[in-house]
């Protein structure tokens, strides 16, 4: 059971890092970026879910 919890924590960590990178790369204001990062940092699972559905996305690169 401990291995499953550890794997879940590792997956959540990777998803939160992905959220931070996407938030930092977005075109929103600095204040909004700080608030989104704090939300994901303080409430990792809930903050990630809220960010996934309502948060800022990183800018798409056009070739």
PDB file of N, CA and C in Angstrom:
ATOM      1  N   UNK A   1       0.810  -1.189   0.000  1.00  0.00           N
ATOM      2  CA  UNK A   1       0.000   0.000   0.000  1.00  0.00           C
ATOM      3  C   UNK A   1       0.862   1.265   0.000  1.00  0.00           C
ATOM      4  N   UNK A   2       2.015   1.190   0.643  1.00  0.00           N
ATOM      5  CA  UNK A   2       2.910   2.346   0.698  1.00  0.00           C
ATOM      6  C   UNK A   2       3.432   2.681  -0.696  1.00  0.00           C
ATOM      7  N   UNK A   3       3.680   1.654  -1.508  1.00  0.00           N
ATOM      8  CA  UNK A   3       4.193   1.888  -2.862  1.00  0.00           C
ATOM      9  C   UNK A   3       3.175   2.640  -3.709  1.00  0.00           C
ATOM     10  N   UNK A   4       1.884   2.335  -3.520  1.00  0.00           N
ATOM     11  CA  UNK A   4       0.833   3.004  -4.290  1.00  0.00           C
ATOM     12  C   UNK A   4       0.754   4.476  -3.884  1.00  0.00           C
ATOM     13  N   UNK A   5       0.839   4.751  -2.597  1.00  0.00           N
ATOM     14  CA  UNK A   5       0.802   6.139  -2.124  1.00  0.00           C
ATOM     15  C   UNK A   5       2.020   6.904  -2.625  1.00  0.00           C
ATOM     16  N   UNK A   6       3.174   6.274  -2.634  1.00  0.00           N
ATOM     17  CA  UNK A   6       4.384   6.923  -3.131  1.00  0.00           C
ATOM     18  C   UNK A   6       4.295   7.219  -4.612  1.00  0.00           C
ATOM     19  N   UNK A   7       3.743   6.285  -5.373  1.00  0.00           N
ATOM     20  CA  UNK A   7       3.577   6.492  -6.809  1.00  0.00           C
ATOM     21  C   UNK A   7       2.579   7.608  -7.081  1.00  0.00           C
ATOM     22  N   UNK A   8       1.494   7.643  -6.309  1.00  0.00           N
ATOM     23  CA  UNK A   8       0.510   8.718  -6.458  1.00  0.00           C
ATOM     24  C   UNK A   8       1.106  10.071  -6.140  1.00  0.00           C
ATOM     25  N   UNK A   9       1.925  10.128  -5.115  1.00  0.00           N
ATOM     26  CA  UNK A   9       2.584  11.388  -4.751  1.00  0.00           C
ATOM     27  C   UNK A   9       3.551  11.841  -5.840  1.00  0.00           C
ATOM     28  N   UNK A  10       4.268  10.894  -6.430  1.00  0.00           N
ATOM     29  CA  UNK A  10       5.195  11.231  -7.509  1.00  0.00           C
ATOM     30  C   UNK A  10       4.447  11.754  -8.730  1.00  0.00           C
ATOM     31  N   UNK A  11       3.330  11.137  -9.058  1.00  0.00           N
ATOM     32  CA  UNK A  11       2.518  11.596 -10.191  1.00  0.00           C
ATOM     33  C   UNK A  11       1.983  13.000  -9.916  1.00  0.00           C
ATOM     34  N   UNK A  12       1.508  13.241  -8.694  1.00  0.00           N
ATOM     35  CA  UNK A  12       1.002  14.571  -8.338  1.00  0.00           C
ATOM     36  C   UNK A  12       2.111  15.613  -8.405  1.00  0.00           C
ATOM     37  N   UNK A  13       3.315  15.259  -7.980  1.00  0.00           N
ATOM     38  CA  UNK A  13       4.447  16.183  -8.053  1.00  0.00           C
ATOM     39  C   UNK A  13       4.745  16.550  -9.506  1.00  0.00           C
ATOM     40  N   UNK A  14       4.763  15.571 -10.388  1.00  0.00           N
ATOM     41  CA  UNK A  14       5.031  15.834 -11.806  1.00  0.00           C
ATOM     42  C   UNK A  14       3.939  16.727 -12.395  1.00  0.00           C
ATOM     43  N   UNK A  15       2.682  16.450 -12.068  1.00  0.00           N
ATOM     44  CA  UNK A  15       1.584  17.271 -12.578  1.00  0.00           C
ATOM     45  C   UNK A  15       1.663  18.702 -12.054  1.00  0.00           C
ATOM     46  N   UNK A  16       2.043  18.869 -10.791  1.00  0.00           N
ATOM     47  CA  UNK A  16       2.176  20.214 -10.239  1.00  0.00           C
ATOM     48  C   UNK A  16       3.331  20.981 -10.876  1.00  0.00           C
ATOM     49  N   UNK A  17       4.429  20.301 -11.164  1.00  0.00           N
ATOM     50  CA  UNK A  17       5.545  20.964 -11.859  1.00  0.00           C
ATOM     51  C   UNK A  17       5.098  21.398 -13.250  1.00  0.00           C
ATOM     52  N   UNK A  18       4.332  20.536 -13.926  1.00  0.00           N
ATOM     53  CA  UNK A  18       3.794  20.880 -15.250  1.00  0.00           C
ATOM     54  C   UNK A  18       2.892  22.110 -15.147  1.00  0.00           C
ATOM     55  N   UNK A  19       2.075  22.176 -14.095  1.00  0.00           N
ATOM     56  CA  UNK A  19       1.195  23.331 -13.892  1.00  0.00           C
ATOM     57  C   UNK A  19       2.018  24.595 -13.666  1.00  0.00           C
ATOM     58  N   UNK A  20       3.080  24.514 -12.836  1.00  0.00           N
ATOM     59  CA  UNK A  20       3.933  25.683 -12.596  1.00  0.00           C
ATOM     60  C   UNK A  20       4.575  26.175 -13.889  1.00  0.00           C
ATOM     61  N   UNK A  21       5.088  25.268 -14.686  1.00  0.00           N
ATOM     62  CA  UNK A  21       5.731  25.660 -15.945  1.00  0.00           C
ATOM     63  C   UNK A  21       4.720  26.322 -16.872  1.00  0.00           C
ATOM     64  N   UNK A  22       3.533  25.767 -16.937  1.00  0.00           N
ATOM     65  CA  UNK A  22       2.498  26.338 -17.789  1.00  0.00           C
ATOM     66  C   UNK A  22       2.043  27.705 -17.278  1.00  0.00           C
ATOM     67  N   UNK A  23       1.924  27.850 -15.976  1.00  0.00           N
ATOM     68  CA  UNK A  23       1.512  29.135 -15.402  1.00  0.00           C
ATOM     69  C   UNK A  23       2.571  30.198 -15.673  1.00  0.00           C
ATOM     70  N   UNK A  24       3.842  29.865 -15.435  1.00  0.00           N
ATOM     71  CA  UNK A  24       4.923  30.832 -15.650  1.00  0.00           C
ATOM     72  C   UNK A  24       5.021  31.220 -17.120  1.00  0.00           C
ATOM     73  N   UNK A  25       4.759  30.289 -18.024  1.00  0.00           N
ATOM     74  CA  UNK A  25       4.848  30.568 -19.448  1.00  0.00           C
ATOM     75  C   UNK A  25       3.627  31.239 -20.032  1.00  0.00           C
ATOM     76  N   UNK A  26       2.598  31.469 -19.234  1.00  0.00           N
ATOM     77  CA  UNK A  26       1.379  32.078 -19.752  1.00  0.00           C
ATOM     78  C   UNK A  26       1.567  33.582 -19.924  1.00  0.00           C
ATOM     79  N   UNK A  27       0.641  34.177 -20.630  1.00  0.00           N
ATOM     80  CA  UNK A  27       0.727  35.605 -20.903  1.00  0.00           C
ATOM     81  C   UNK A  27      -0.045  36.455 -19.916  1.00  0.00           C
ATOM     82  N   UNK A  28      -0.469  35.901 -18.808  1.00  0.00           N
ATOM     83  CA  UNK A  28      -1.233  36.665 -17.825  1.00  0.00           C
ATOM     84  C   UNK A  28      -0.318  37.579 -17.018  1.00  0.00           C
ATOM     85  N   UNK A  29      -0.922  38.408 -16.197  1.00  0.00           N
ATOM     86  CA  UNK A  29      -0.148  39.350 -15.396  1.00  0.00           C
ATOM     87  C   UNK A  29       0.645  38.620 -14.315  1.00  0.00           C
ATOM     88  N   UNK A  30       1.640  39.302 -13.792  1.00  0.00           N
ATOM     89  CA  UNK A  30       2.490  38.709 -12.764  1.00  0.00           C
ATOM     90  C   UNK A  30       1.694  38.377 -11.506  1.00  0.00           C
ATOM     91  N   UNK A  31       0.777  39.247 -11.136  1.00  0.00           N
ATOM     92  CA  UNK A  31      -0.043  39.001  -9.957  1.00  0.00           C
ATOM     93  C   UNK A  31      -0.887  37.743 -10.102  1.00  0.00           C
ATOM     94  N   UNK A  32      -1.464  37.547 -11.273  1.00  0.00           N
ATOM     95  CA  UNK A  32      -2.276  36.348 -11.508  1.00  0.00           C
ATOM     96  C   UNK A  32      -1.405  35.097 -11.480  1.00  0.00           C
ATOM     97  N   UNK A  33      -0.200  35.196 -12.017  1.00  0.00           N
ATOM     98  CA  UNK A  33       0.716  34.057 -11.985  1.00  0.00           C
ATOM     99  C   UNK A  33       1.067  33.677 -10.555  1.00  0.00           C
ATOM    100  N   UNK A  34       1.327  34.688  -9.727  1.00  0.00           N
ATOM    101  CA  UNK A  34       1.672  34.429  -8.325  1.00  0.00           C
ATOM    102  C   UNK A  34       0.504  33.772  -7.608  1.00  0.00           C
ATOM    103  N   UNK A  35      -0.698  34.267  -7.823  1.00  0.00           N
ATOM    104  CA  UNK A  35      -1.872  33.681  -7.165  1.00  0.00           C
ATOM    105  C   UNK A  35      -2.109  32.240  -7.606  1.00  0.00           C
ATOM    106  N   UNK A  36      -1.980  31.961  -8.890  1.00  0.00           N
ATOM    107  CA  UNK A  36      -2.162  30.591  -9.371  1.00  0.00           C
ATOM    108  C   UNK A  36      -1.087  29.671  -8.806  1.00  0.00           C
ATOM    109  N   UNK A  37       0.158  30.137  -8.771  1.00  0.00           N
ATOM    110  CA  UNK A  37       1.235  29.310  -8.218  1.00  0.00           C
ATOM    111  C   UNK A  37       1.012  29.041  -6.734  1.00  0.00           C
ATOM    112  N   UNK A  38       0.559  30.042  -5.990  1.00  0.00           N
ATOM    113  CA  UNK A  38       0.269  29.834  -4.575  1.00  0.00           C
ATOM    114  C   UNK A  38      -0.862  28.836  -4.376  1.00  0.00           C
ATOM    115  N   UNK A  39      -1.887  28.910  -5.216  1.00  0.00           N
ATOM    116  CA  UNK A  39      -2.994  27.971  -5.116  1.00  0.00           C
ATOM    117  C   UNK A  39      -2.523  26.542  -5.345  1.00  0.00           C
ATOM    118  N   UNK A  40      -1.714  26.333  -6.374  1.00  0.00           N
ATOM    119  CA  UNK A  40      -1.215  24.984  -6.667  1.00  0.00           C
ATOM    120  C   UNK A  40      -0.228  24.536  -5.592  1.00  0.00           C
ATOM    121  N   UNK A  41       0.523  25.458  -5.016  1.00  0.00           N
ATOM    122  CA  UNK A  41       1.493  25.107  -3.992  1.00  0.00           C
ATOM    123  C   UNK A  41       0.828  24.771  -2.657  1.00  0.00           C
ATOM    124  N   UNK A  42      -0.155  25.558  -2.253  1.00  0.00           N
ATOM    125  CA  UNK A  42      -0.794  25.366  -0.953  1.00  0.00           C
ATOM    126  C   UNK A  42      -1.774  24.194  -0.974  1.00  0.00           C
ATOM    127  N   UNK A  43      -2.539  24.054  -2.051  1.00  0.00           N
ATOM    128  CA  UNK A  43      -3.507  22.958  -2.187  1.00  0.00           C
ATOM    129  C   UNK A  43      -3.136  22.126  -3.412  1.00  0.00           C
ATOM    130  N   UNK A  44      -2.190  21.215  -3.298  1.00  0.00           N
ATOM    131  CA  UNK A  44      -1.659  20.546  -4.478  1.00  0.00           C
ATOM    132  C   UNK A  44      -2.699  19.844  -5.356  1.00  0.00           C
ATOM    133  N   UNK A  45      -3.522  19.004  -4.797  1.00  0.00           N
ATOM    134  CA  UNK A  45      -4.474  18.256  -5.621  1.00  0.00           C
ATOM    135  C   UNK A  45      -5.627  19.141  -6.074  1.00  0.00           C
ATOM    136  N   UNK A  46      -6.245  19.841  -5.146  1.00  0.00           N
ATOM    137  CA  UNK A  46      -7.379  20.700  -5.488  1.00  0.00           C
ATOM    138  C   UNK A  46      -6.918  21.853  -6.374  1.00  0.00           C
ATOM    139  N   UNK A  47      -5.784  22.448  -6.058  1.00  0.00           N
ATOM    140  CA  UNK A  47      -5.261  23.538  -6.864  1.00  0.00           C
ATOM    141  C   UNK A  47      -4.954  23.116  -8.285  1.00  0.00           C
ATOM    142  N   UNK A  48      -4.410  21.899  -8.452  1.00  0.00           N
ATOM    143  CA  UNK A  48      -4.129  21.409  -9.799  1.00  0.00           C
ATOM    144  C   UNK A  48      -5.417  21.210 -10.586  1.00  0.00           C
ATOM    145  N   UNK A  49      -6.422  20.642  -9.952  1.00  0.00           N
ATOM    146  CA  UNK A  49      -7.701  20.404 -10.648  1.00  0.00           C
ATOM    147  C   UNK A  49      -8.337  21.727 -11.052  1.00  0.00           C
ATOM    148  N   UNK A  50      -8.324  22.714 -10.151  1.00  0.00           N
ATOM    149  CA  UNK A  50      -8.881  24.028 -10.481  1.00  0.00           C
ATOM    150  C   UNK A  50      -8.086  24.671 -11.613  1.00  0.00           C
ATOM    151  N   UNK A  51      -6.751  24.595 -11.540  1.00  0.00           N
ATOM    152  CA  UNK A  51      -5.922  25.163 -12.603  1.00  0.00           C
ATOM    153  C   UNK A  51      -6.195  24.466 -13.932  1.00  0.00           C
ATOM    154  N   UNK A  52      -6.350  23.141 -13.904  1.00  0.00           N
ATOM    155  CA  UNK A  52      -6.544  22.379 -15.140  1.00  0.00           C
ATOM    156  C   UNK A  52      -7.795  22.841 -15.886  1.00  0.00           C
ATOM    157  N   UNK A  53      -8.851  23.163 -15.149  1.00  0.00           N
ATOM    158  CA  UNK A  53     -10.093  23.563 -15.803  1.00  0.00           C
ATOM    159  C   UNK A  53     -10.221  25.067 -16.002  1.00  0.00           C
ATOM    160  N   UNK A  54      -9.604  25.891 -15.160  1.00  0.00           N
ATOM    161  CA  UNK A  54      -9.844  27.329 -15.235  1.00  0.00           C
ATOM    162  C   UNK A  54      -8.585  28.179 -15.314  1.00  0.00           C
ATOM    163  N   UNK A  55      -7.418  27.585 -15.207  1.00  0.00           N
ATOM    164  CA  UNK A  55      -6.192  28.371 -15.121  1.00  0.00           C
ATOM    165  C   UNK A  55      -5.644  28.823 -16.452  1.00  0.00           C
ATOM    166  N   UNK A  56      -4.644  29.699 -16.388  1.00  0.00           N
ATOM    167  CA  UNK A  56      -4.009  30.193 -17.607  1.00  0.00           C
ATOM    168  C   UNK A  56      -3.137  29.115 -18.243  1.00  0.00           C
ATOM    169  N   UNK A  57      -3.090  29.102 -19.533  1.00  0.00           N
ATOM    170  CA  UNK A  57      -2.274  28.151 -20.279  1.00  0.00           C
ATOM    171  C   UNK A  57      -1.055  28.863 -20.845  1.00  0.00           C
ATOM    172  N   UNK A  58      -0.005  28.086 -21.079  1.00  0.00           N
ATOM    173  CA  UNK A  58       1.181  28.687 -21.687  1.00  0.00           C
ATOM    174  C   UNK A  58       0.880  29.043 -23.133  1.00  0.00           C
ATOM    175  N   UNK A  59       1.627  29.984 -23.642  1.00  0.00           N
ATOM    176  CA  UNK A  59       1.416  30.454 -25.007  1.00  0.00           C
ATOM    177  C   UNK A  59       1.826  29.373 -25.995  1.00  0.00           C
ATOM    178  N   UNK A  60       1.012  29.181 -27.023  1.00  0.00           N
ATOM    179  CA  UNK A  60       1.319  28.216 -28.071  1.00  0.00           C
ATOM    180  C   UNK A  60       2.336  28.837 -29.021  1.00  0.00           C
ATOM    181  N   UNK A  61       3.328  28.059 -29.408  1.00  0.00           N
ATOM    182  CA  UNK A  61       4.323  28.530 -30.364  1.00  0.00           C
ATOM    183  C   UNK A  61       3.813  28.255 -31.774  1.00  0.00           C
ATOM    184  N   UNK A  62       3.922  29.251 -32.634  1.00  0.00           N
ATOM    185  CA  UNK A  62       3.541  29.053 -34.021  1.00  0.00           C
ATOM    186  C   UNK A  62       4.793  28.960 -34.863  1.00  0.00           C
ATOM    187  N   UNK A  63       4.778  28.070 -35.773  1.00  0.00           N
ATOM    188  CA  UNK A  63       5.967  27.837 -36.609  1.00  0.00           C
ATOM    189  C   UNK A  63       5.890  28.618 -37.869  1.00  0.00           C
TER     190      UNK A  63
END
